[in-house]
């Protein structure tokens, strides 16, 4: 006779269970002669904000690159839900100040995955670009050169490029680093609104204040996973001290 077990109901204080948008196991990745990620297994919840936290060299940017598909893992499994490729927003410093690009041209690059590099944008593409400019409140900067912008304005242009890709997964590398409090708050509010609109957000950050507002956290040290769960449970004083202690 088969015995049936009922799943216990969560207590009123328990966080709701979330479906995984990304799931990876035994993930290893790096660069020629320099391994970075070492046997990482974790889940990224769907319709939530997940932060990657850890000191420099812990593997945050490499993990983002693997999730974005720009870095190929050397071993392990990676599974993702959704039909569209992820949108990846690199650090501001990865985009040269001397590139002769306007804000609109920068955001239009987000449509290249849909149209191709040399094909003319369609009316729908232009409407998508306009919507991204409006969402980031930078339509008035559309004709300005990237190199002329403040740090916060430039970061908003890069995020608008990510939104123009119309992905349900947005990956950001240190989106608020070096910004003033007003710019950080503006971007944080936007990312929260995107989750409400159906986008899963993953961001690498050094900012523990930003990290503590997320839904989930992956704590990294030396290319390994040091903790996974809600920031209140993972970003404890003792855990952070262990992660940031010299190797």
C-alpha atoms as a PDB file:
ATOM      1  CA  UNK A   1       0.000   0.000   0.000  1.00  0.00           C
ATOM      2  CA  UNK A   2       1.351   3.417  -0.943  1.00  0.00           C
ATOM      3  CA  UNK A   3       1.550   5.875   1.893  1.00  0.00           C
ATOM      4  CA  UNK A   4       0.740   9.491   1.010  1.00  0.00           C
ATOM      5  CA  UNK A   5       2.463  12.308   2.831  1.00  0.00           C
ATOM      6  CA  UNK A   6       1.072  15.815   2.825  1.00  0.00           C
ATOM      7  CA  UNK A   7       3.536  18.633   2.364  1.00  0.00           C
ATOM      8  CA  UNK A   8       3.501  20.799   5.500  1.00  0.00           C
ATOM      9  CA  UNK A   9       2.109  24.264   5.065  1.00  0.00           C
ATOM     10  CA  UNK A  10       4.622  27.075   5.529  1.00  0.00           C
ATOM     11  CA  UNK A  11       4.266  29.201   8.638  1.00  0.00           C
ATOM     12  CA  UNK A  12       2.911  32.717   8.139  1.00  0.00           C
ATOM     13  CA  UNK A  13       6.427  34.116   8.548  1.00  0.00           C
ATOM     14  CA  UNK A  14       8.029  31.803   5.959  1.00  0.00           C
ATOM     15  CA  UNK A  15       8.991  33.431   2.632  1.00  0.00           C
ATOM     16  CA  UNK A  16       7.012  32.166  -0.369  1.00  0.00           C
ATOM     17  CA  UNK A  17       8.635  29.445  -2.424  1.00  0.00           C
ATOM     18  CA  UNK A  18       9.908  30.667  -5.795  1.00  0.00           C
ATOM     19  CA  UNK A  19      10.411  28.833  -9.051  1.00  0.00           C
ATOM     20  CA  UNK A  20      14.030  28.737 -10.229  1.00  0.00           C
ATOM     21  CA  UNK A  21      14.829  30.839 -13.302  1.00  0.00           C
ATOM     22  CA  UNK A  22      18.391  29.528 -13.398  1.00  0.00           C
ATOM     23  CA  UNK A  23      19.790  26.352 -11.920  1.00  0.00           C
ATOM     24  CA  UNK A  24      23.430  25.273 -12.108  1.00  0.00           C
ATOM     25  CA  UNK A  25      25.469  22.496 -10.553  1.00  0.00           C
ATOM     26  CA  UNK A  26      29.181  21.732 -10.421  1.00  0.00           C
ATOM     27  CA  UNK A  27      29.862  24.885 -12.425  1.00  0.00           C
ATOM     28  CA  UNK A  28      33.515  25.583 -13.199  1.00  0.00           C
ATOM     29  CA  UNK A  29      34.793  28.430 -15.380  1.00  0.00           C
ATOM     30  CA  UNK A  30      37.738  30.742 -15.842  1.00  0.00           C
ATOM     31  CA  UNK A  31      40.366  31.885 -18.270  1.00  0.00           C
ATOM     32  CA  UNK A  32      43.392  30.172 -19.863  1.00  0.00           C
ATOM     33  CA  UNK A  33      45.658  29.123 -17.040  1.00  0.00           C
ATOM     34  CA  UNK A  34      43.462  30.783 -14.421  1.00  0.00           C
ATOM     35  CA  UNK A  35      40.442  28.913 -13.064  1.00  0.00           C
ATOM     36  CA  UNK A  36      37.948  31.168 -11.276  1.00  0.00           C
ATOM     37  CA  UNK A  37      34.701  29.362 -10.480  1.00  0.00           C
ATOM     38  CA  UNK A  38      35.096  26.072  -8.636  1.00  0.00           C
ATOM     39  CA  UNK A  39      32.210  23.600  -8.448  1.00  0.00           C
ATOM     40  CA  UNK A  40      29.403  26.085  -7.811  1.00  0.00           C
ATOM     41  CA  UNK A  41      25.857  24.775  -7.432  1.00  0.00           C
ATOM     42  CA  UNK A  42      22.954  27.162  -6.832  1.00  0.00           C
ATOM     43  CA  UNK A  43      19.571  28.420  -7.987  1.00  0.00           C
ATOM     44  CA  UNK A  44      18.440  31.874  -9.091  1.00  0.00           C
ATOM     45  CA  UNK A  45      14.768  32.406  -8.201  1.00  0.00           C
ATOM     46  CA  UNK A  46      12.356  33.613 -10.855  1.00  0.00           C
ATOM     47  CA  UNK A  47      10.730  37.059 -10.590  1.00  0.00           C
ATOM     48  CA  UNK A  48      13.105  38.166  -7.855  1.00  0.00           C
ATOM     49  CA  UNK A  49      16.257  40.179  -7.337  1.00  0.00           C
ATOM     50  CA  UNK A  50      19.369  38.116  -6.575  1.00  0.00           C
ATOM     51  CA  UNK A  51      22.676  39.683  -5.556  1.00  0.00           C
ATOM     52  CA  UNK A  52      26.144  38.208  -6.002  1.00  0.00           C
ATOM     53  CA  UNK A  53      28.321  39.369  -3.113  1.00  0.00           C
ATOM     54  CA  UNK A  54      31.999  38.808  -2.423  1.00  0.00           C
ATOM     55  CA  UNK A  55      35.408  40.510  -2.456  1.00  0.00           C
ATOM     56  CA  UNK A  56      37.320  41.306  -5.630  1.00  0.00           C
ATOM     57  CA  UNK A  57      38.447  38.096  -7.298  1.00  0.00           C
ATOM     58  CA  UNK A  58      35.692  36.007  -5.727  1.00  0.00           C
ATOM     59  CA  UNK A  59      34.133  35.196  -9.119  1.00  0.00           C
ATOM     60  CA  UNK A  60      31.117  37.524  -9.261  1.00  0.00           C
ATOM     61  CA  UNK A  61      31.810  38.947 -12.738  1.00  0.00           C
ATOM     62  CA  UNK A  62      32.839  35.543 -14.094  1.00  0.00           C
ATOM     63  CA  UNK A  63      29.601  33.983 -12.857  1.00  0.00           C
ATOM     64  CA  UNK A  64      27.604  36.790 -14.469  1.00  0.00           C
ATOM     65  CA  UNK A  65      29.491  36.193 -17.717  1.00  0.00           C
ATOM     66  CA  UNK A  66      28.638  32.487 -17.609  1.00  0.00           C
ATOM     67  CA  UNK A  67      24.965  33.224 -16.922  1.00  0.00           C
ATOM     68  CA  UNK A  68      24.979  35.733 -19.805  1.00  0.00           C
ATOM     69  CA  UNK A  69      26.532  33.202 -22.174  1.00  0.00           C
ATOM     70  CA  UNK A  70      29.658  35.272 -22.901  1.00  0.00           C
ATOM     71  CA  UNK A  71      31.905  32.929 -20.888  1.00  0.00           C
ATOM     72  CA  UNK A  72      31.692  29.199 -21.490  1.00  0.00           C
ATOM     73  CA  UNK A  73      31.954  26.971 -18.412  1.00  0.00           C
ATOM     74  CA  UNK A  74      34.694  24.352 -18.437  1.00  0.00           C
ATOM     75  CA  UNK A  75      32.419  21.862 -16.673  1.00  0.00           C
ATOM     76  CA  UNK A  76      29.088  21.607 -14.901  1.00  0.00           C
ATOM     77  CA  UNK A  77      25.448  22.005 -15.878  1.00  0.00           C
ATOM     78  CA  UNK A  78      23.447  25.192 -16.411  1.00  0.00           C
ATOM     79  CA  UNK A  79      19.690  25.259 -17.026  1.00  0.00           C
ATOM     80  CA  UNK A  80      17.620  28.357 -17.718  1.00  0.00           C
ATOM     81  CA  UNK A  81      13.915  28.885 -18.283  1.00  0.00           C
ATOM     82  CA  UNK A  82      12.626  31.368 -20.850  1.00  0.00           C
ATOM     83  CA  UNK A  83      12.863  31.666 -24.616  1.00  0.00           C
ATOM     84  CA  UNK A  84      14.941  34.844 -24.970  1.00  0.00           C
ATOM     85  CA  UNK A  85      18.650  35.207 -24.205  1.00  0.00           C
ATOM     86  CA  UNK A  86      19.540  37.161 -21.070  1.00  0.00           C
ATOM     87  CA  UNK A  87      20.311  40.883 -21.208  1.00  0.00           C
ATOM     88  CA  UNK A  88      23.754  41.695 -19.801  1.00  0.00           C
ATOM     89  CA  UNK A  89      24.724  45.162 -18.522  1.00  0.00           C
ATOM     90  CA  UNK A  90      28.511  45.345 -17.926  1.00  0.00           C
ATOM     91  CA  UNK A  91      30.306  47.711 -15.589  1.00  0.00           C
ATOM     92  CA  UNK A  92      30.444  51.307 -16.795  1.00  0.00           C
ATOM     93  CA  UNK A  93      34.230  51.101 -17.038  1.00  0.00           C
ATOM     94  CA  UNK A  94      33.943  48.318 -19.632  1.00  0.00           C
ATOM     95  CA  UNK A  95      32.487  50.824 -22.131  1.00  0.00           C
ATOM     96  CA  UNK A  96      35.137  53.249 -23.378  1.00  0.00           C
ATOM     97  CA  UNK A  97      34.617  56.987 -22.911  1.00  0.00           C
ATOM     98  CA  UNK A  98      36.126  57.652 -26.318  1.00  0.00           C
ATOM     99  CA  UNK A  99      33.572  55.626 -28.284  1.00  0.00           C
ATOM    100  CA  UNK A 100      31.684  58.072 -30.553  1.00  0.00           C
ATOM    101  CA  UNK A 101      28.252  56.834 -29.476  1.00  0.00           C
ATOM    102  CA  UNK A 102      25.207  58.833 -28.525  1.00  0.00           C
ATOM    103  CA  UNK A 103      22.818  57.651 -25.844  1.00  0.00           C
ATOM    104  CA  UNK A 104      20.258  56.627 -28.479  1.00  0.00           C
ATOM    105  CA  UNK A 105      22.863  54.669 -30.460  1.00  0.00           C
ATOM    106  CA  UNK A 106      23.926  52.924 -27.260  1.00  0.00           C
ATOM    107  CA  UNK A 107      20.373  51.865 -26.489  1.00  0.00           C
ATOM    108  CA  UNK A 108      19.775  50.832 -30.120  1.00  0.00           C
ATOM    109  CA  UNK A 109      22.600  48.305 -29.742  1.00  0.00           C
ATOM    110  CA  UNK A 110      20.219  46.401 -27.506  1.00  0.00           C
ATOM    111  CA  UNK A 111      18.202  45.532 -30.617  1.00  0.00           C
ATOM    112  CA  UNK A 112      21.153  43.970 -32.446  1.00  0.00           C
ATOM    113  CA  UNK A 113      20.408  40.514 -31.098  1.00  0.00           C
ATOM    114  CA  UNK A 114      16.967  40.811 -32.710  1.00  0.00           C
ATOM    115  CA  UNK A 115      17.913  42.549 -35.986  1.00  0.00           C
ATOM    116  CA  UNK A 116      21.603  41.817 -36.486  1.00  0.00           C
ATOM    117  CA  UNK A 117      24.398  44.389 -36.434  1.00  0.00           C
ATOM    118  CA  UNK A 118      23.914  45.874 -39.899  1.00  0.00           C
ATOM    119  CA  UNK A 119      20.189  45.550 -40.529  1.00  0.00           C
ATOM    120  CA  UNK A 120      18.061  48.670 -40.358  1.00  0.00           C
ATOM    121  CA  UNK A 121      15.879  48.959 -37.283  1.00  0.00           C
ATOM    122  CA  UNK A 122      12.155  48.551 -37.792  1.00  0.00           C
ATOM    123  CA  UNK A 123       9.390  50.805 -36.494  1.00  0.00           C
ATOM    124  CA  UNK A 124       8.891  48.370 -33.629  1.00  0.00           C
ATOM    125  CA  UNK A 125      12.603  48.485 -32.804  1.00  0.00           C
ATOM    126  CA  UNK A 126      12.511  52.279 -32.614  1.00  0.00           C
ATOM    127  CA  UNK A 127       9.409  52.122 -30.405  1.00  0.00           C
ATOM    128  CA  UNK A 128      11.200  49.673 -28.089  1.00  0.00           C
ATOM    129  CA  UNK A 129      14.217  51.997 -27.878  1.00  0.00           C
ATOM    130  CA  UNK A 130      11.981  54.984 -27.144  1.00  0.00           C
ATOM    131  CA  UNK A 131      10.211  53.018 -24.397  1.00  0.00           C
ATOM    132  CA  UNK A 132      13.556  52.117 -22.791  1.00  0.00           C
ATOM    133  CA  UNK A 133      14.727  55.750 -22.926  1.00  0.00           C
ATOM    134  CA  UNK A 134      11.473  56.863 -21.314  1.00  0.00           C
ATOM    135  CA  UNK A 135      11.633  54.137 -18.647  1.00  0.00           C
ATOM    136  CA  UNK A 136      15.076  55.356 -17.594  1.00  0.00           C
ATOM    137  CA  UNK A 137      14.028  59.013 -17.977  1.00  0.00           C
ATOM    138  CA  UNK A 138      16.848  59.814 -20.408  1.00  0.00           C
ATOM    139  CA  UNK A 139      14.940  60.683 -23.594  1.00  0.00           C
ATOM    140  CA  UNK A 140      16.258  64.244 -23.268  1.00  0.00           C
ATOM    141  CA  UNK A 141      19.832  62.855 -23.345  1.00  0.00           C
ATOM    142  CA  UNK A 142      19.321  60.807 -26.522  1.00  0.00           C
ATOM    143  CA  UNK A 143      21.602  62.971 -28.695  1.00  0.00           C
ATOM    144  CA  UNK A 144      24.355  63.359 -26.078  1.00  0.00           C
ATOM    145  CA  UNK A 145      27.646  61.455 -26.316  1.00  0.00           C
ATOM    146  CA  UNK A 146      28.238  58.792 -23.673  1.00  0.00           C
ATOM    147  CA  UNK A 147      31.495  60.426 -22.646  1.00  0.00           C
ATOM    148  CA  UNK A 148      29.658  63.629 -21.773  1.00  0.00           C
ATOM    149  CA  UNK A 149      27.387  62.005 -19.209  1.00  0.00           C
ATOM    150  CA  UNK A 150      27.635  61.776 -15.453  1.00  0.00           C
ATOM    151  CA  UNK A 151      28.178  58.352 -13.932  1.00  0.00           C
ATOM    152  CA  UNK A 152      24.502  57.946 -13.050  1.00  0.00           C
ATOM    153  CA  UNK A 153      23.296  59.072 -16.482  1.00  0.00           C
ATOM    154  CA  UNK A 154      25.705  56.721 -18.201  1.00  0.00           C
ATOM    155  CA  UNK A 155      24.618  53.784 -16.068  1.00  0.00           C
ATOM    156  CA  UNK A 156      20.990  54.492 -16.896  1.00  0.00           C
ATOM    157  CA  UNK A 157      21.873  54.487 -20.603  1.00  0.00           C
ATOM    158  CA  UNK A 158      23.471  51.056 -20.252  1.00  0.00           C
ATOM    159  CA  UNK A 159      20.481  49.707 -18.349  1.00  0.00           C
ATOM    160  CA  UNK A 160      18.199  51.114 -21.064  1.00  0.00           C
ATOM    161  CA  UNK A 161      20.259  49.137 -23.588  1.00  0.00           C
ATOM    162  CA  UNK A 162      19.573  46.037 -21.518  1.00  0.00           C
ATOM    163  CA  UNK A 163      15.841  46.777 -21.379  1.00  0.00           C
ATOM    164  CA  UNK A 164      15.762  47.240 -25.158  1.00  0.00           C
ATOM    165  CA  UNK A 165      16.645  43.541 -25.481  1.00  0.00           C
ATOM    166  CA  UNK A 166      13.219  42.688 -24.001  1.00  0.00           C
ATOM    167  CA  UNK A 167      14.592  39.764 -22.016  1.00  0.00           C
ATOM    168  CA  UNK A 168      12.989  38.289 -18.920  1.00  0.00           C
ATOM    169  CA  UNK A 169      16.450  37.995 -17.312  1.00  0.00           C
ATOM    170  CA  UNK A 170      18.548  41.103 -16.622  1.00  0.00           C
ATOM    171  CA  UNK A 171      22.157  40.645 -15.453  1.00  0.00           C
ATOM    172  CA  UNK A 172      24.061  43.663 -14.110  1.00  0.00           C
ATOM    173  CA  UNK A 173      27.690  43.987 -13.034  1.00  0.00           C
ATOM    174  CA  UNK A 174      28.110  46.548 -10.218  1.00  0.00           C
ATOM    175  CA  UNK A 175      25.340  48.863 -11.510  1.00  0.00           C
ATOM    176  CA  UNK A 176      25.527  51.306  -8.588  1.00  0.00           C
ATOM    177  CA  UNK A 177      29.274  51.400  -7.861  1.00  0.00           C
ATOM    178  CA  UNK A 178      30.636  54.931  -7.747  1.00  0.00           C
ATOM    179  CA  UNK A 179      27.217  56.585  -7.977  1.00  0.00           C
ATOM    180  CA  UNK A 180      25.828  59.192  -5.610  1.00  0.00           C
ATOM    181  CA  UNK A 181      23.004  58.189  -3.224  1.00  0.00           C
ATOM    182  CA  UNK A 182      20.271  59.700  -5.417  1.00  0.00           C
ATOM    183  CA  UNK A 183      21.450  57.766  -8.493  1.00  0.00           C
ATOM    184  CA  UNK A 184      21.727  54.532  -6.470  1.00  0.00           C
ATOM    185  CA  UNK A 185      18.205  54.977  -5.144  1.00  0.00           C
ATOM    186  CA  UNK A 186      16.834  55.707  -8.625  1.00  0.00           C
ATOM    187  CA  UNK A 187      18.368  52.525 -10.063  1.00  0.00           C
ATOM    188  CA  UNK A 188      17.259  50.443  -7.078  1.00  0.00           C
ATOM    189  CA  UNK A 189      13.674  51.642  -7.500  1.00  0.00           C
ATOM    190  CA  UNK A 190      13.798  50.804 -11.203  1.00  0.00           C
ATOM    191  CA  UNK A 191      15.075  47.253 -10.607  1.00  0.00           C
ATOM    192  CA  UNK A 192      12.304  46.637  -8.065  1.00  0.00           C
ATOM    193  CA  UNK A 193       9.726  47.821 -10.620  1.00  0.00           C
ATOM    194  CA  UNK A 194      11.207  45.556 -13.305  1.00  0.00           C
ATOM    195  CA  UNK A 195      10.733  42.508 -11.077  1.00  0.00           C
ATOM    196  CA  UNK A 196       7.088  43.511 -10.606  1.00  0.00           C
ATOM    197  CA  UNK A 197       6.823  43.679 -14.422  1.00  0.00           C
ATOM    198  CA  UNK A 198       8.037  40.090 -14.828  1.00  0.00           C
ATOM    199  CA  UNK A 199      11.834  40.409 -15.089  1.00  0.00           C
ATOM    200  CA  UNK A 200      14.304  38.354 -13.053  1.00  0.00           C
ATOM    201  CA  UNK A 201      17.210  40.560 -11.939  1.00  0.00           C
ATOM    202  CA  UNK A 202      20.696  39.378 -10.964  1.00  0.00           C
ATOM    203  CA  UNK A 203      23.336  41.909  -9.966  1.00  0.00           C
ATOM    204  CA  UNK A 204      26.882  41.714  -8.667  1.00  0.00           C
ATOM    205  CA  UNK A 205      27.520  44.301  -5.971  1.00  0.00           C
ATOM    206  CA  UNK A 206      29.949  45.403  -3.275  1.00  0.00           C
ATOM    207  CA  UNK A 207      27.262  47.540  -1.665  1.00  0.00           C
ATOM    208  CA  UNK A 208      25.920  45.655   1.355  1.00  0.00           C
ATOM    209  CA  UNK A 209      23.103  48.191   1.756  1.00  0.00           C
ATOM    210  CA  UNK A 210      21.919  47.325  -1.759  1.00  0.00           C
ATOM    211  CA  UNK A 211      22.471  43.613  -1.146  1.00  0.00           C
ATOM    212  CA  UNK A 212      20.311  43.547   1.967  1.00  0.00           C
ATOM    213  CA  UNK A 213      17.281  44.773  -0.005  1.00  0.00           C
ATOM    214  CA  UNK A 214      17.428  41.824  -2.441  1.00  0.00           C
ATOM    215  CA  UNK A 215      15.231  38.729  -2.374  1.00  0.00           C
ATOM    216  CA  UNK A 216      18.131  36.277  -2.534  1.00  0.00           C
ATOM    217  CA  UNK A 217      21.914  36.278  -2.193  1.00  0.00           C
ATOM    218  CA  UNK A 218      24.837  34.187  -3.377  1.00  0.00           C
ATOM    219  CA  UNK A 219      27.929  34.820  -1.247  1.00  0.00           C
ATOM    220  CA  UNK A 220      31.188  33.984  -3.036  1.00  0.00           C
ATOM    221  CA  UNK A 221      34.731  33.524  -1.819  1.00  0.00           C
ATOM    222  CA  UNK A 222      37.692  32.476  -3.947  1.00  0.00           C
ATOM    223  CA  UNK A 223      35.454  31.109  -6.689  1.00  0.00           C
ATOM    224  CA  UNK A 224      33.359  28.979  -4.347  1.00  0.00           C
ATOM    225  CA  UNK A 225      29.884  29.387  -2.925  1.00  0.00           C
ATOM    226  CA  UNK A 226      30.124  30.450   0.728  1.00  0.00           C
ATOM    227  CA  UNK A 227      26.393  30.880   1.284  1.00  0.00           C
ATOM    228  CA  UNK A 228      23.031  30.965  -0.466  1.00  0.00           C
ATOM    229  CA  UNK A 229      19.672  32.251   0.743  1.00  0.00           C
ATOM    230  CA  UNK A 230      17.943  35.388   1.930  1.00  0.00           C
ATOM    231  CA  UNK A 231      20.392  38.260   2.634  1.00  0.00           C
ATOM    232  CA  UNK A 232      19.247  38.522   6.264  1.00  0.00           C
ATOM    233  CA  UNK A 233      20.403  34.949   6.816  1.00  0.00           C
ATOM    234  CA  UNK A 234      23.520  34.999   4.618  1.00  0.00           C
ATOM    235  CA  UNK A 235      25.037  38.447   5.158  1.00  0.00           C
ATOM    236  CA  UNK A 236      25.767  38.053   8.854  1.00  0.00           C
ATOM    237  CA  UNK A 237      28.712  39.729  10.539  1.00  0.00           C
ATOM    238  CA  UNK A 238      30.515  36.415  11.071  1.00  0.00           C
ATOM    239  CA  UNK A 239      29.930  35.219   7.491  1.00  0.00           C
ATOM    240  CA  UNK A 240      31.189  38.476   5.989  1.00  0.00           C
ATOM    241  CA  UNK A 241      34.268  38.386   8.231  1.00  0.00           C
ATOM    242  CA  UNK A 242      35.097  34.872   7.022  1.00  0.00           C
ATOM    243  CA  UNK A 243      34.605  35.784   3.366  1.00  0.00           C
ATOM    244  CA  UNK A 244      36.711  38.934   3.505  1.00  0.00           C
ATOM    245  CA  UNK A 245      39.563  37.486   5.566  1.00  0.00           C
ATOM    246  CA  UNK A 246      42.872  37.095   3.658  1.00  0.00           C
ATOM    247  CA  UNK A 247      43.376  33.795   1.877  1.00  0.00           C
END
